[in-house]
PDB file of N, CA and C in Angstrom:
ATOM      1  N   MET A   1      14.268   4.562 -30.349  1.00  0.00           N
ATOM      2  CA  MET A   1      13.203   4.866 -29.408  1.00  0.00           C
ATOM      3  C   MET A   1      12.449   3.589 -29.074  1.00  0.00           C
ATOM      4  N   ASP A   2      11.982   3.522 -27.859  1.00  0.00           N
ATOM      5  CA  ASP A   2      11.229   2.355 -27.417  1.00  0.00           C
ATOM      6  C   ASP A   2       9.898   2.248 -28.159  1.00  0.00           C
ATOM      7  N   GLU A   3       9.482   1.021 -28.310  1.00  0.00           N
ATOM      8  CA  GLU A   3       8.191   0.748 -28.914  1.00  0.00           C
ATOM      9  C   GLU A   3       7.086   1.074 -27.923  1.00  0.00           C
ATOM     10  N   LEU A   4       5.989   1.634 -28.412  1.00  0.00           N
ATOM     11  CA  LEU A   4       4.852   1.933 -27.557  1.00  0.00           C
ATOM     12  C   LEU A   4       4.126   0.652 -27.193  1.00  0.00           C
ATOM     13  N   LYS A   5       3.698   0.591 -25.948  1.00  0.00           N
ATOM     14  CA  LYS A   5       2.925  -0.552 -25.475  1.00  0.00           C
ATOM     15  C   LYS A   5       1.617  -0.033 -24.913  1.00  0.00           C
ATOM     16  N   LYS A   6       0.577  -0.827 -25.068  1.00  0.00           N
ATOM     17  CA  LYS A   6      -0.744  -0.424 -24.612  1.00  0.00           C
ATOM     18  C   LYS A   6      -1.006  -0.949 -23.199  1.00  0.00           C
ATOM     19  N   TYR A   7      -1.440  -0.041 -22.343  1.00  0.00           N
ATOM     20  CA  TYR A   7      -1.821  -0.388 -20.977  1.00  0.00           C
ATOM     21  C   TYR A   7      -3.234   0.104 -20.758  1.00  0.00           C
ATOM     22  N   GLY A   8      -4.008  -0.646 -20.002  1.00  0.00           N
ATOM     23  CA  GLY A   8      -5.374  -0.213 -19.697  1.00  0.00           C
ATOM     24  C   GLY A   8      -6.164   0.090 -20.950  1.00  0.00           C
ATOM     25  N   LYS A   9      -6.916   1.184 -20.884  1.00  0.00           N
ATOM     26  CA  LYS A   9      -7.746   1.595 -22.017  1.00  0.00           C
ATOM     27  C   LYS A   9      -7.025   2.679 -22.815  1.00  0.00           C
ATOM     28  N   ASN A  10      -6.288   2.263 -23.814  1.00  0.00           N
ATOM     29  CA  ASN A  10      -5.590   3.178 -24.725  1.00  0.00           C
ATOM     30  C   ASN A  10      -4.527   4.053 -24.071  1.00  0.00           C
ATOM     31  N   ILE A  11      -3.842   3.539 -23.082  1.00  0.00           N
ATOM     32  CA  ILE A  11      -2.695   4.239 -22.533  1.00  0.00           C
ATOM     33  C   ILE A  11      -1.478   3.697 -23.268  1.00  0.00           C
ATOM     34  N   LEU A  12      -0.960   4.495 -24.198  1.00  0.00           N
ATOM     35  CA  LEU A  12       0.190   4.087 -24.995  1.00  0.00           C
ATOM     36  C   LEU A  12       1.427   4.813 -24.507  1.00  0.00           C
ATOM     37  N   ILE A  13       2.355   4.057 -23.945  1.00  0.00           N
ATOM     38  CA  ILE A  13       3.614   4.629 -23.480  1.00  0.00           C
ATOM     39  C   ILE A  13       4.733   3.639 -23.765  1.00  0.00           C
ATOM     40  N   ASN A  14       5.954   4.137 -23.764  1.00  0.00           N
ATOM     41  CA  ASN A  14       7.089   3.238 -23.957  1.00  0.00           C
ATOM     42  C   ASN A  14       7.704   2.894 -22.601  1.00  0.00           C
ATOM     43  N   ASP A  15       8.683   2.022 -22.604  1.00  0.00           N
ATOM     44  CA  ASP A  15       9.283   1.556 -21.360  1.00  0.00           C
ATOM     45  C   ASP A  15       9.957   2.683 -20.574  1.00  0.00           C
ATOM     46  N   TYR A  16      10.591   3.608 -21.291  1.00  0.00           N
ATOM     47  CA  TYR A  16      11.246   4.736 -20.610  1.00  0.00           C
ATOM     48  C   TYR A  16      10.221   5.589 -19.875  1.00  0.00           C
ATOM     49  N   GLU A  17       9.121   5.919 -20.553  1.00  0.00           N
ATOM     50  CA  GLU A  17       8.069   6.730 -19.921  1.00  0.00           C
ATOM     51  C   GLU A  17       7.475   5.997 -18.721  1.00  0.00           C
ATOM     52  N   LYS A  18       7.253   4.714 -18.879  1.00  0.00           N
ATOM     53  CA  LYS A  18       6.711   3.919 -17.775  1.00  0.00           C
ATOM     54  C   LYS A  18       7.667   3.934 -16.584  1.00  0.00           C
ATOM     55  N   SER A  19       8.957   3.808 -16.825  1.00  0.00           N
ATOM     56  CA  SER A  19       9.922   3.791 -15.719  1.00  0.00           C
ATOM     57  C   SER A  19       9.968   5.138 -14.997  1.00  0.00           C
ATOM     58  N   ILE A  20       9.867   6.233 -15.735  1.00  0.00           N
ATOM     59  CA  ILE A  20       9.853   7.556 -15.099  1.00  0.00           C
ATOM     60  C   ILE A  20       8.579   7.723 -14.274  1.00  0.00           C
ATOM     61  N   LEU A  21       7.456   7.320 -14.821  1.00  0.00           N
ATOM     62  CA  LEU A  21       6.199   7.418 -14.076  1.00  0.00           C
ATOM     63  C   LEU A  21       6.259   6.586 -12.795  1.00  0.00           C
ATOM     64  N   LEU A  22       6.793   5.385 -12.885  1.00  0.00           N
ATOM     65  CA  LEU A  22       6.917   4.535 -11.693  1.00  0.00           C
ATOM     66  C   LEU A  22       7.847   5.151 -10.655  1.00  0.00           C
ATOM     67  N   LYS A  23       8.861   5.859 -11.115  1.00  0.00           N
ATOM     68  CA  LYS A  23       9.788   6.554 -10.217  1.00  0.00           C
ATOM     69  C   LYS A  23       9.040   7.526  -9.309  1.00  0.00           C
ATOM     70  N   TYR A  24       7.946   8.091  -9.813  1.00  0.00           N
ATOM     71  CA  TYR A  24       7.132   9.035  -9.052  1.00  0.00           C
ATOM     72  C   TYR A  24       5.827   8.406  -8.555  1.00  0.00           C
ATOM     73  N   ASN A  25       5.841   7.087  -8.455  1.00  0.00           N
ATOM     74  CA  ASN A  25       4.710   6.311  -7.928  1.00  0.00           C
ATOM     75  C   ASN A  25       3.424   6.472  -8.736  1.00  0.00           C
ATOM     76  N   ILE A  26       3.569   6.608 -10.039  1.00  0.00           N
ATOM     77  CA  ILE A  26       2.414   6.638 -10.936  1.00  0.00           C
ATOM     78  C   ILE A  26       2.436   5.331 -11.716  1.00  0.00           C
ATOM     79  N   ASN A  27       1.546   4.442 -11.340  1.00  0.00           N
ATOM     80  CA  ASN A  27       1.491   3.124 -11.953  1.00  0.00           C
ATOM     81  C   ASN A  27       0.399   3.110 -13.020  1.00  0.00           C
ATOM     82  N   VAL A  28       0.815   3.077 -14.281  1.00  0.00           N
ATOM     83  CA  VAL A  28      -0.155   3.118 -15.377  1.00  0.00           C
ATOM     84  C   VAL A  28      -1.067   1.894 -15.394  1.00  0.00           C
ATOM     85  N   LEU A  29      -0.650   0.830 -14.772  1.00  0.00           N
ATOM     86  CA  LEU A  29      -1.498  -0.364 -14.721  1.00  0.00           C
ATOM     87  C   LEU A  29      -2.736  -0.131 -13.866  1.00  0.00           C
ATOM     88  N   GLU A  30      -2.662   0.834 -12.970  1.00  0.00           N
ATOM     89  CA  GLU A  30      -3.793   1.155 -12.102  1.00  0.00           C
ATOM     90  C   GLU A  30      -4.651   2.294 -12.651  1.00  0.00           C
ATOM     91  N   CYS A  31      -4.243   2.879 -13.764  1.00  0.00           N
ATOM     92  CA  CYS A  31      -4.966   4.004 -14.359  1.00  0.00           C
ATOM     93  C   CYS A  31      -5.951   3.508 -15.414  1.00  0.00           C
ATOM     94  N   ASN A  32      -7.068   4.224 -15.517  1.00  0.00           N
ATOM     95  CA  ASN A  32      -8.099   3.848 -16.483  1.00  0.00           C
ATOM     96  C   ASN A  32      -7.972   4.574 -17.809  1.00  0.00           C
ATOM     97  N   SER A  33      -7.236   5.686 -17.820  1.00  0.00           N
ATOM     98  CA  SER A  33      -7.121   6.456 -19.060  1.00  0.00           C
ATOM     99  C   SER A  33      -5.854   7.298 -19.035  1.00  0.00           C
ATOM    100  N   ILE A  34      -5.515   7.815 -20.193  1.00  0.00           N
ATOM    101  CA  ILE A  34      -4.364   8.696 -20.298  1.00  0.00           C
ATOM    102  C   ILE A  34      -4.633   9.990 -19.532  1.00  0.00           C
ATOM    103  N   ASP A  35      -5.892  10.397 -19.483  1.00  0.00           N
ATOM    104  CA  ASP A  35      -6.257  11.591 -18.714  1.00  0.00           C
ATOM    105  C   ASP A  35      -5.964  11.396 -17.228  1.00  0.00           C
ATOM    106  N   GLU A  36      -6.196  10.206 -16.729  1.00  0.00           N
ATOM    107  CA  GLU A  36      -5.901   9.916 -15.329  1.00  0.00           C
ATOM    108  C   GLU A  36      -4.396   9.981 -15.066  1.00  0.00           C
ATOM    109  N   VAL A  37      -3.604   9.482 -15.990  1.00  0.00           N
ATOM    110  CA  VAL A  37      -2.146   9.562 -15.857  1.00  0.00           C
ATOM    111  C   VAL A  37      -1.713  11.024 -15.799  1.00  0.00           C
ATOM    112  N   LEU A  38      -2.242  11.839 -16.706  1.00  0.00           N
ATOM    113  CA  LEU A  38      -1.893  13.255 -16.736  1.00  0.00           C
ATOM    114  C   LEU A  38      -2.358  13.979 -15.473  1.00  0.00           C
ATOM    115  N   LEU A  39      -3.503  13.598 -14.944  1.00  0.00           N
ATOM    116  CA  LEU A  39      -4.004  14.185 -13.696  1.00  0.00           C
ATOM    117  C   LEU A  39      -3.076  13.850 -12.530  1.00  0.00           C
ATOM    118  N   LEU A  40      -2.627  12.618 -12.459  1.00  0.00           N
ATOM    119  CA  LEU A  40      -1.716  12.215 -11.389  1.00  0.00           C
ATOM    120  C   LEU A  40      -0.387  12.968 -11.488  1.00  0.00           C
ATOM    121  N   ILE A  41       0.090  13.158 -12.700  1.00  0.00           N
ATOM    122  CA  ILE A  41       1.311  13.942 -12.898  1.00  0.00           C
ATOM    123  C   ILE A  41       1.079  15.367 -12.404  1.00  0.00           C
ATOM    124  N   ASP A  42      -0.029  15.940 -12.794  1.00  0.00           N
ATOM    125  CA  ASP A  42      -0.347  17.318 -12.425  1.00  0.00           C
ATOM    126  C   ASP A  42      -0.429  17.502 -10.911  1.00  0.00           C
ATOM    127  N   ARG A  43      -0.902  16.498 -10.219  1.00  0.00           N
ATOM    128  CA  ARG A  43      -1.043  16.576  -8.757  1.00  0.00           C
ATOM    129  C   ARG A  43       0.289  16.635  -8.026  1.00  0.00           C
ATOM    130  N   ILE A  44       1.324  16.041  -8.597  1.00  0.00           N
ATOM    131  CA  ILE A  44       2.594  15.982  -7.868  1.00  0.00           C
ATOM    132  C   ILE A  44       3.689  16.859  -8.441  1.00  0.00           C
ATOM    133  N   ILE A  45       3.528  17.324  -9.663  1.00  0.00           N
ATOM    134  CA  ILE A  45       4.646  17.974 -10.348  1.00  0.00           C
ATOM    135  C   ILE A  45       5.100  19.268  -9.675  1.00  0.00           C
ATOM    136  N   ASP A  46       4.203  20.028  -9.108  1.00  0.00           N
ATOM    137  CA  ASP A  46       4.582  21.304  -8.496  1.00  0.00           C
ATOM    138  C   ASP A  46       5.398  21.141  -7.220  1.00  0.00           C
ATOM    139  N   ASP A  47       5.377  19.969  -6.629  1.00  0.00           N
ATOM    140  CA  ASP A  47       6.114  19.724  -5.389  1.00  0.00           C
ATOM    141  C   ASP A  47       7.525  19.193  -5.620  1.00  0.00           C
ATOM    142  N   LEU A  48       7.933  19.094  -6.877  1.00  0.00           N
ATOM    143  CA  LEU A  48       9.223  18.498  -7.207  1.00  0.00           C
ATOM    144  C   LEU A  48      10.321  19.544  -7.337  1.00  0.00           C
ATOM    145  N   GLU A  49      11.549  19.088  -7.171  1.00  0.00           N
ATOM    146  CA  GLU A  49      12.719  19.930  -7.407  1.00  0.00           C
ATOM    147  C   GLU A  49      12.855  20.172  -8.911  1.00  0.00           C
ATOM    148  N   ASP A  50      13.686  21.127  -9.298  1.00  0.00           N
ATOM    149  CA  ASP A  50      13.801  21.536 -10.703  1.00  0.00           C
ATOM    150  C   ASP A  50      14.096  20.385 -11.656  1.00  0.00           C
ATOM    151  N   GLU A  51      15.097  19.580 -11.354  1.00  0.00           N
ATOM    152  CA  GLU A  51      15.476  18.482 -12.250  1.00  0.00           C
ATOM    153  C   GLU A  51      14.367  17.441 -12.351  1.00  0.00           C
ATOM    154  N   GLU A  52      13.760  17.106 -11.217  1.00  0.00           N
ATOM    155  CA  GLU A  52      12.658  16.148 -11.221  1.00  0.00           C
ATOM    156  C   GLU A  52      11.460  16.724 -11.967  1.00  0.00           C
ATOM    157  N   TYR A  53      11.191  18.015 -11.737  1.00  0.00           N
ATOM    158  CA  TYR A  53      10.087  18.689 -12.417  1.00  0.00           C
ATOM    159  C   TYR A  53      10.269  18.606 -13.927  1.00  0.00           C
ATOM    160  N   ASP A  54      11.470  18.937 -14.396  1.00  0.00           N
ATOM    161  CA  ASP A  54      11.755  18.914 -15.832  1.00  0.00           C
ATOM    162  C   ASP A  54      11.563  17.524 -16.421  1.00  0.00           C
ATOM    163  N   GLU A  55      12.024  16.524 -15.695  1.00  0.00           N
ATOM    164  CA  GLU A  55      11.914  15.139 -16.161  1.00  0.00           C
ATOM    165  C   GLU A  55      10.451  14.733 -16.320  1.00  0.00           C
ATOM    166  N   LEU A  56       9.658  14.991 -15.300  1.00  0.00           N
ATOM    167  CA  LEU A  56       8.254  14.591 -15.332  1.00  0.00           C
ATOM    168  C   LEU A  56       7.445  15.487 -16.271  1.00  0.00           C
ATOM    169  N   ASP A  57       7.797  16.754 -16.356  1.00  0.00           N
ATOM    170  CA  ASP A  57       7.122  17.670 -17.272  1.00  0.00           C
ATOM    171  C   ASP A  57       7.334  17.231 -18.720  1.00  0.00           C
ATOM    172  N   TYR A  58       8.534  16.778 -19.033  1.00  0.00           N
ATOM    173  CA  TYR A  58       8.823  16.276 -20.379  1.00  0.00           C
ATOM    174  C   TYR A  58       7.927  15.073 -20.710  1.00  0.00           C
ATOM    175  N   ILE A  59       7.825  14.145 -19.777  1.00  0.00           N
ATOM    176  CA  ILE A  59       6.993  12.955 -19.984  1.00  0.00           C
ATOM    177  C   ILE A  59       5.531  13.366 -20.161  1.00  0.00           C
ATOM    178  N   ALA A  60       5.066  14.292 -19.341  1.00  0.00           N
ATOM    179  CA  ALA A  60       3.681  14.770 -19.453  1.00  0.00           C
ATOM    180  C   ALA A  60       3.436  15.398 -20.818  1.00  0.00           C
ATOM    181  N   SER A  61       4.392  16.165 -21.312  1.00  0.00           N
ATOM    182  CA  SER A  61       4.251  16.802 -22.622  1.00  0.00           C
ATOM    183  C   SER A  61       4.169  15.776 -23.739  1.00  0.00           C
ATOM    184  N   VAL A  62       5.025  14.777 -23.672  1.00  0.00           N
ATOM    185  CA  VAL A  62       5.030  13.724 -24.694  1.00  0.00           C
ATOM    186  C   VAL A  62       3.709  12.961 -24.677  1.00  0.00           C
ATOM    187  N   ILE A  63       3.240  12.611 -23.494  1.00  0.00           N
ATOM    188  CA  ILE A  63       1.983  11.863 -23.360  1.00  0.00           C
ATOM    189  C   ILE A  63       0.806  12.706 -23.835  1.00  0.00           C
ATOM    190  N   ALA A  64       0.776  13.988 -23.462  1.00  0.00           N
ATOM    191  CA  ALA A  64      -0.316  14.871 -23.877  1.00  0.00           C
ATOM    192  C   ALA A  64      -0.337  15.043 -25.395  1.00  0.00           C
ATOM    193  N   GLU A  65       0.836  15.169 -26.003  1.00  0.00           N
ATOM    194  CA  GLU A  65       0.904  15.299 -27.458  1.00  0.00           C
ATOM    195  C   GLU A  65       0.417  14.021 -28.135  1.00  0.00           C
ATOM    196  N   ARG A  66       0.817  12.885 -27.603  1.00  0.00           N
ATOM    197  CA  ARG A  66       0.377  11.605 -28.157  1.00  0.00           C
ATOM    198  C   ARG A  66      -1.143  11.479 -28.043  1.00  0.00           C
ATOM    199  N   LYS A  67      -1.702  11.890 -26.908  1.00  0.00           N
ATOM    200  CA  LYS A  67      -3.144  11.861 -26.685  1.00  0.00           C
ATOM    201  C   LYS A  67      -3.850  12.726 -27.726  1.00  0.00           C
ATOM    202  N   TYR A  68      -3.313  13.916 -27.964  1.00  0.00           N
ATOM    203  CA  TYR A  68      -3.893  14.823 -28.943  1.00  0.00           C
ATOM    204  C   TYR A  68      -3.952  14.172 -30.329  1.00  0.00           C
ATOM    205  N   TYR A  69      -2.847  13.588 -30.754  1.00  0.00           N
ATOM    206  CA  TYR A  69      -2.801  12.969 -32.079  1.00  0.00           C
ATOM    207  C   TYR A  69      -3.690  11.737 -32.165  1.00  0.00           C
ATOM    208  N   MET A  70      -3.793  11.014 -31.086  1.00  0.00           N
ATOM    209  CA  MET A  70      -4.701   9.848 -31.086  1.00  0.00           C
ATOM    210  C   MET A  70      -6.148  10.295 -31.237  1.00  0.00           C
ATOM    211  N   GLU A  71      -6.494  11.396 -30.587  1.00  0.00           N
ATOM    212  CA  GLU A  71      -7.877  11.877 -30.652  1.00  0.00           C
ATOM    213  C   GLU A  71      -8.212  12.524 -31.993  1.00  0.00           C
ATOM    214  N   THR A  72      -7.234  13.152 -32.632  1.00  0.00           N
ATOM    215  CA  THR A  72      -7.504  13.822 -33.902  1.00  0.00           C
ATOM    216  C   THR A  72      -7.435  12.866 -35.088  1.00  0.00           C
ATOM    217  N   ASN A  73      -6.882  11.690 -34.893  1.00  0.00           N
ATOM    218  CA  ASN A  73      -6.786  10.713 -35.984  1.00  0.00           C
ATOM    219  C   ASN A  73      -7.903   9.678 -35.954  1.00  0.00           C
ATOM    220  N   LYS A  74      -8.920   9.913 -35.176  1.00  0.00           N
ATOM    221  CA  LYS A  74     -10.038   8.950 -35.116  1.00  0.00           C
ATOM    222  C   LYS A  74     -10.957   9.110 -36.294  1.00  0.00           C
TER     223      LYS A  74
END
């Protein structure tokens, strides 16, 4: 698995997740928080075809789970 890299303010994602997000024009370098990344995903995910939806939904789930664990381990 790819190593997590930090972008912005505590946005931890790996290269694979970053590439999928960029595929859908979500640039984590322009985001201020993980919540903003998840909001951008939420805004476009319903307009996608099944395969694209599944791909982006998986990334959103992984990021949301990581966010949860980061917040509970403080």
